Protein backbone atom coordinates (compact mmCIF):
# COMPACT_ATOMS: atom_id res chain seq x y z
CA UNK A 1 4.45 -19.77 -16.85
CA UNK A 2 4.88 -23.20 -15.33
CA UNK A 3 2.15 -25.27 -13.72
CA UNK A 4 2.41 -25.82 -9.95
CA UNK A 5 3.36 -29.32 -8.95
CA UNK A 6 0.60 -31.48 -7.53
CA UNK A 7 1.42 -33.40 -4.41
CA UNK A 8 -0.02 -36.84 -3.88
CA UNK A 9 -1.05 -37.43 -0.29
CA UNK A 10 -0.79 -41.04 0.73
CA UNK A 11 -2.76 -42.24 3.72
CA UNK A 12 -2.86 -45.48 5.57
CA UNK A 13 -6.28 -47.18 5.72
CA UNK A 14 -6.64 -46.03 9.34
CA UNK A 15 -5.83 -42.42 8.42
CA UNK A 16 -8.28 -42.63 5.52
CA UNK A 17 -11.09 -43.84 7.83
CA UNK A 18 -10.34 -41.04 10.29
CA UNK A 19 -10.32 -38.48 7.45
CA UNK A 20 -13.68 -39.73 6.15
CA UNK A 21 -15.15 -39.78 9.69
CA UNK A 22 -14.15 -36.16 10.22
CA UNK A 23 -15.54 -35.20 6.82
CA UNK A 24 -18.89 -36.80 7.68
CA UNK A 25 -18.98 -34.97 11.00
CA UNK A 26 -18.22 -31.67 9.27
CA UNK A 27 -20.90 -32.34 6.65
CA UNK A 28 -23.50 -33.05 9.36
CA UNK A 29 -22.52 -29.87 11.20
CA UNK A 30 -22.90 -27.82 8.01
CA UNK A 31 -26.29 -29.44 7.35
CA UNK A 32 -27.50 -28.55 10.85
CA UNK A 33 -26.33 -24.95 10.50
CA UNK A 34 -28.06 -24.59 7.12
CA UNK A 35 -31.29 -26.11 8.46
CA UNK A 36 -31.08 -23.76 11.43
CA UNK A 37 -30.77 -20.75 9.12
CA UNK A 38 -33.68 -21.98 7.00
CA UNK A 39 -35.82 -22.41 10.12
CA UNK A 40 -34.81 -18.96 11.38
CA UNK A 41 -35.76 -17.31 8.08
CA UNK A 42 -39.05 -19.23 8.02
CA UNK A 43 -39.95 -18.15 11.55
CA UNK A 44 -39.02 -14.52 10.91
CA UNK A 45 -41.01 -14.49 7.66
CA UNK A 46 -44.01 -16.13 9.33
CA UNK A 47 -43.93 -13.62 12.18
CA UNK A 48 -43.85 -10.72 9.74
CA UNK A 49 -46.76 -12.13 7.71
CA UNK A 50 -48.94 -12.76 10.76
CA UNK A 51 -48.17 -9.34 12.23
CA UNK A 52 -49.40 -7.67 9.10
């Protein structure tokens, strides 16, 4: 079985900056979603504990 060929993607400095900017935006969005889920679970758990 042969190994698949790896393609090297070459970017201009401007394309690289845009790629990194989009990656940062995506990372922040994922962080906010995860924090939202953590807060949701915390609030649900707290409500269940205080209800009895």
